[in-house]
Amino acid sequence: MTQTRGRIRIEDAPKRVRVYLGGRPVADTTRAKLVWEKPYYPTYYFPPEDVATDLLAPTGETRRSPSRGDAEVFTVKTDRAEAAGAAFHYAGSPLEEIDGYYAFDWGAMGEWFEEDEQVYVHARDPYTRIDILQSSRHIEIVVDGVKVADSTMPKLLFETGLPTRYYLPKTDVRMDLLVPTDLHTECPYKGTASYYTVDTGKGVHENVVWWYPTPVAESAAIAGLVAFYNEKLDIYVDGELEDKPKTVFS
């Protein structure tokens, strides 16, 4: 069931959802709510019966939301870890679907599971889809007038709300122009990415190339391939220069 209140959308989550801290389960439910309180992805809300409230210590603080009301803030404490101000209890919320429910700061907690698979970064959006298709399109990447990649064997990754990403074999890339960096990012749909900086000798472009050494199972087709930011570099598809899209990564 979906409920929309103003700019907030609420749905019943069909998955079993668990959150841990210090190896202890803090919440475990098959009755979570998905609440779109952020523009790009939902947040899990847990019914109080499925939360280990004995692990929550009130901070005396409240967090105000125009749509969700006042939330009492708690610190989550286990015998091996503590997450200060990481739990929020919405008692008396004007949104009756989440009245009395608890939410948690994703990054402050330990591990999150949807069913028996660990999930990273944030809850997966059921309306986000990823398709990875083998293609014979001719992809060329040009940086500072230097051709950095040239491939007719790309895999095209289509992700809801983002431009098409072109994942290329490293054998079709000037790897001598790519410098590994210490940056790593996580995606709940693809896994952990590592990054390269492009140094053409004419300019240095930091962290504009990424790859997934060991992506999650549903994105296994892009393992070992490299992708370039459409938003920042010149990408030619079948000889035509693509427009640089405007996204959160621009």
Protein backbone atom coordinates (compact mmCIF):
# COMPACT_ATOMS: atom_id res chain seq x y z
CA MET A 1 0.00 0.00 0.00
CA THR A 2 1.24 3.47 -0.94
CA GLN A 3 0.36 6.66 0.90
CA THR A 4 1.42 10.13 -0.22
CA ARG A 5 1.30 13.05 2.18
CA GLY A 6 2.48 16.28 0.60
CA ARG A 7 6.00 15.49 -0.65
CA ILE A 8 6.36 12.34 1.48
CA ARG A 9 5.57 8.93 0.00
CA ILE A 10 5.13 5.91 2.28
CA GLU A 11 4.92 2.26 1.27
CA ASP A 12 4.88 -1.09 3.01
CA ALA A 13 8.27 -2.80 2.55
CA PRO A 14 7.83 -6.42 1.40
CA LYS A 15 11.30 -7.53 2.60
CA ARG A 16 12.58 -8.67 5.95
CA VAL A 17 14.88 -5.87 7.16
CA ARG A 18 17.48 -6.09 9.94
CA VAL A 19 19.92 -3.58 11.37
CA TYR A 20 22.87 -4.47 13.64
CA LEU A 21 25.32 -2.58 15.82
CA GLY A 22 28.37 -4.24 17.36
CA GLY A 23 27.08 -7.61 16.23
CA ARG A 24 23.77 -7.17 18.09
CA PRO A 25 20.42 -6.98 16.27
CA VAL A 26 18.81 -3.61 16.97
CA ALA A 27 15.78 -4.05 14.73
CA ASP A 28 14.35 -7.03 12.85
CA THR A 29 11.06 -6.77 11.01
CA THR A 30 8.93 -7.93 8.10
CA ARG A 31 6.67 -4.90 8.60
CA ALA A 32 8.97 -1.98 7.77
CA LYS A 33 7.80 1.13 6.00
CA LEU A 34 9.66 2.73 3.11
CA VAL A 35 9.52 6.50 3.54
CA TRP A 36 10.79 8.82 0.81
CA GLU A 37 12.00 11.62 3.06
CA LYS A 38 15.00 12.24 0.76
CA PRO A 39 14.69 12.94 -2.98
CA TYR A 40 16.75 10.02 -4.32
CA TYR A 41 16.07 7.01 -2.10
CA PRO A 42 13.82 5.82 0.74
CA THR A 43 14.46 5.33 4.47
CA TYR A 44 13.32 2.31 6.50
CA TYR A 45 10.98 2.88 9.45
CA PHE A 46 10.49 0.09 12.01
CA PRO A 47 7.45 -0.69 14.16
CA PRO A 48 8.27 -0.42 17.89
CA GLU A 49 7.48 -4.10 18.53
CA ASP A 50 10.39 -5.07 16.26
CA VAL A 51 13.00 -2.75 17.79
CA ALA A 52 15.27 -3.65 20.72
CA THR A 53 14.28 -0.55 22.67
CA ASP A 54 16.36 -1.69 25.66
CA LEU A 55 19.41 -0.76 23.59
CA LEU A 56 18.19 2.84 23.14
CA ALA A 57 19.13 5.61 25.56
CA PRO A 58 17.31 8.96 25.24
CA THR A 59 19.53 11.96 24.56
CA GLY A 60 16.92 14.52 25.62
CA GLU A 61 17.00 16.00 22.13
CA THR A 62 14.30 16.16 19.47
CA ARG A 63 14.51 16.44 15.69
CA ARG A 64 11.86 18.49 13.94
CA SER A 65 10.41 17.64 10.52
CA PRO A 66 7.61 19.73 8.98
CA SER A 67 6.06 16.59 7.51
CA ARG A 68 6.89 13.90 10.09
CA GLY A 69 6.67 15.92 13.30
CA ASP A 70 8.99 15.80 16.31
CA ALA A 71 11.24 12.77 16.76
CA GLU A 72 12.81 11.88 20.09
CA VAL A 73 16.51 11.19 19.58
CA PHE A 74 18.24 8.14 21.10
CA THR A 75 21.77 6.82 21.32
CA VAL A 76 22.08 3.15 20.41
CA LYS A 77 24.26 1.23 22.87
CA THR A 78 25.35 -2.40 22.76
CA ASP A 79 28.02 -4.14 24.81
CA ARG A 80 30.53 -3.59 21.97
CA ALA A 81 29.54 -0.38 20.19
CA GLU A 82 27.71 2.92 20.55
CA ALA A 83 26.06 5.14 17.93
CA ALA A 84 25.34 8.56 19.39
CA GLY A 85 22.04 10.12 18.36
CA ALA A 86 21.45 7.45 15.70
CA ALA A 87 17.85 6.45 16.48
CA PHE A 88 14.69 8.53 16.06
CA HIS A 89 11.25 7.79 17.49
CA TYR A 90 8.28 9.50 15.87
CA ALA A 91 5.65 9.49 18.61
CA GLY A 92 2.64 11.62 17.75
CA SER A 93 3.64 11.99 14.09
CA PRO A 94 1.01 13.67 11.88
CA LEU A 95 1.69 10.82 9.44
CA GLU A 96 -0.32 8.07 11.10
CA GLU A 97 1.36 5.38 8.95
CA ILE A 98 4.66 5.95 10.82
CA ASP A 99 3.32 7.17 14.16
CA GLY A 100 5.27 5.36 16.86
CA TYR A 101 7.85 4.02 14.40
CA TYR A 102 11.65 4.18 14.72
CA ALA A 103 14.22 5.18 12.11
CA PHE A 104 18.01 4.88 12.24
CA ASP A 105 20.93 6.81 10.80
CA TRP A 106 22.17 4.34 8.19
CA GLY A 107 25.85 5.29 8.30
CA ALA A 108 26.02 5.32 12.10
CA MET A 109 24.78 1.77 12.45
CA GLY A 110 26.75 -1.41 11.78
CA GLU A 111 25.24 -3.77 9.22
CA TRP A 112 21.96 -3.66 7.32
CA PHE A 113 20.29 -6.66 5.70
CA GLU A 114 17.43 -7.01 3.26
CA GLU A 115 16.43 -10.65 3.72
CA ASP A 116 19.86 -12.34 4.12
CA GLU A 117 21.85 -10.03 1.84
CA GLN A 118 23.85 -7.13 3.26
CA VAL A 119 22.94 -3.72 1.84
CA TYR A 120 25.22 -0.71 1.73
CA VAL A 121 24.84 3.09 1.68
CA HIS A 122 21.03 3.29 1.87
CA ALA A 123 17.87 1.29 1.37
CA ARG A 124 17.34 0.08 -2.16
CA ASP A 125 14.65 1.96 -4.04
CA PRO A 126 12.14 -0.53 -5.52
CA TYR A 127 11.65 1.88 -8.42
CA THR A 128 15.33 1.97 -9.39
CA ARG A 129 16.25 -0.52 -12.09
CA ILE A 130 19.64 -1.45 -13.54
CA ASP A 131 20.07 -3.13 -16.93
CA ILE A 132 23.51 -4.07 -18.28
CA LEU A 133 23.59 -4.83 -22.00
CA GLN A 134 26.43 -5.91 -24.26
CA SER A 135 26.76 -3.51 -27.20
CA SER A 136 28.77 -3.03 -30.40
CA ARG A 137 28.53 0.77 -30.32
CA HIS A 138 31.77 2.60 -30.96
CA ILE A 139 32.74 4.45 -27.77
CA GLU A 140 35.60 6.94 -27.70
CA ILE A 141 36.71 8.90 -24.63
CA VAL A 142 38.69 12.08 -25.30
CA VAL A 143 40.37 14.13 -22.56
CA ASP A 144 42.36 17.30 -23.29
CA GLY A 145 42.29 16.30 -26.94
CA VAL A 146 43.88 12.93 -26.14
CA LYS A 147 42.00 9.72 -26.95
CA VAL A 148 41.98 7.80 -23.67
CA ALA A 149 39.68 4.94 -24.72
CA ASP A 150 38.42 3.43 -27.96
CA SER A 151 36.13 0.40 -27.87
CA THR A 152 33.50 -1.43 -29.89
CA MET A 153 32.84 -3.89 -27.03
CA PRO A 154 31.22 -1.74 -24.33
CA LYS A 155 28.69 -2.85 -21.81
CA LEU A 156 25.98 -0.23 -21.41
CA LEU A 157 24.58 0.26 -17.93
CA PHE A 158 21.13 1.82 -17.76
CA GLU A 159 20.18 3.01 -14.26
CA THR A 160 16.94 4.79 -13.44
CA GLY A 161 17.46 8.54 -13.22
CA LEU A 162 21.08 8.55 -14.46
CA PRO A 163 22.71 8.84 -17.90
CA THR A 164 23.82 5.71 -19.70
CA ARG A 165 27.23 4.61 -18.42
CA TYR A 166 29.69 3.01 -20.83
CA TYR A 167 31.80 0.28 -19.21
CA LEU A 168 34.84 -0.57 -21.31
CA PRO A 169 37.44 -3.39 -21.26
CA LYS A 170 40.75 -2.17 -19.88
CA THR A 171 42.44 -3.49 -23.01
CA ASP A 172 40.63 -0.72 -24.91
CA VAL A 173 41.76 1.99 -22.49
CA ARG A 174 45.03 3.91 -22.23
CA MET A 175 45.74 2.57 -18.77
CA ASP A 176 49.13 4.32 -18.86
CA LEU A 177 47.19 7.60 -18.50
CA LEU A 178 45.18 6.38 -15.49
CA VAL A 179 46.49 6.79 -11.96
CA PRO A 180 44.83 4.80 -9.12
CA THR A 181 43.57 6.91 -6.23
CA ASP A 182 42.51 6.19 -2.66
CA LEU A 183 38.87 7.06 -3.35
CA HIS A 184 36.27 4.32 -2.89
CA THR A 185 32.51 4.73 -3.02
CA GLU A 186 29.67 2.31 -2.35
CA CYS A 187 26.46 1.76 -4.27
CA PRO A 188 23.63 -0.46 -3.00
CA TYR A 189 23.00 -1.72 -6.54
CA LYS A 190 26.57 -2.24 -7.79
CA GLY A 191 28.98 -2.58 -4.86
CA THR A 192 32.25 -0.82 -4.00
CA ALA A 193 33.96 1.23 -6.70
CA SER A 194 37.62 2.17 -6.97
CA TYR A 195 38.77 5.26 -8.88
CA TYR A 196 41.40 6.55 -11.25
CA THR A 197 42.62 10.04 -12.05
CA VAL A 198 43.34 10.79 -15.73
CA ASP A 199 46.70 12.47 -16.36
CA THR A 200 47.08 13.23 -20.08
CA GLY A 201 50.24 15.28 -19.69
CA LYS A 202 48.15 18.30 -20.63
CA GLY A 203 45.93 18.23 -17.55
CA VAL A 204 44.99 16.20 -14.48
CA HIS A 205 41.38 15.16 -13.96
CA GLU A 206 40.84 13.66 -10.54
CA ASN A 207 38.59 10.65 -9.90
CA VAL A 208 36.76 10.77 -13.23
CA VAL A 209 37.12 7.02 -13.93
CA TRP A 210 35.84 4.16 -11.80
CA TRP A 211 35.51 0.40 -11.81
CA TYR A 212 34.04 -2.38 -9.68
CA PRO A 213 36.57 -5.15 -8.91
CA THR A 214 33.91 -7.35 -7.26
CA PRO A 215 30.43 -5.96 -7.89
CA VAL A 216 27.32 -7.38 -6.27
CA ALA A 217 25.77 -10.36 -8.02
CA GLU A 218 23.14 -8.49 -10.02
CA SER A 219 25.84 -6.23 -11.52
CA ALA A 220 28.48 -8.92 -12.07
CA ALA A 221 28.60 -8.16 -15.80
CA ILE A 222 30.61 -4.95 -15.21
CA ALA A 223 33.33 -6.60 -13.09
CA GLY A 224 36.76 -5.34 -14.14
CA LEU A 225 35.45 -2.82 -16.67
CA VAL A 226 36.05 0.93 -16.41
CA ALA A 227 33.57 3.78 -16.80
CA PHE A 228 34.07 7.50 -17.34
CA TYR A 229 31.99 10.41 -16.08
CA ASN A 230 29.77 11.57 -18.95
CA GLU A 231 29.28 14.78 -17.00
CA LYS A 232 32.99 15.73 -17.07
CA LEU A 233 34.64 14.26 -20.16
CA ASP A 234 34.07 14.14 -23.92
CA ILE A 235 32.39 10.88 -24.92
CA TYR A 236 31.75 10.02 -28.55
CA VAL A 237 29.15 7.37 -29.40
CA ASP A 238 29.33 6.13 -32.99
CA GLY A 239 31.27 9.26 -33.90
CA GLU A 240 28.84 11.71 -32.31
CA LEU A 241 29.91 13.83 -29.33
CA GLU A 242 27.41 13.41 -26.50
CA ASP A 243 26.08 16.37 -24.56
CA LYS A 244 27.36 16.48 -20.99
CA PRO A 245 24.36 15.65 -18.77
CA LYS A 246 23.53 17.61 -15.62
CA THR A 247 23.35 15.31 -12.60
CA VAL A 248 24.35 15.24 -8.95
CA PHE A 249 27.82 14.22 -10.20
CA SER A 250 28.31 17.23 -12.48
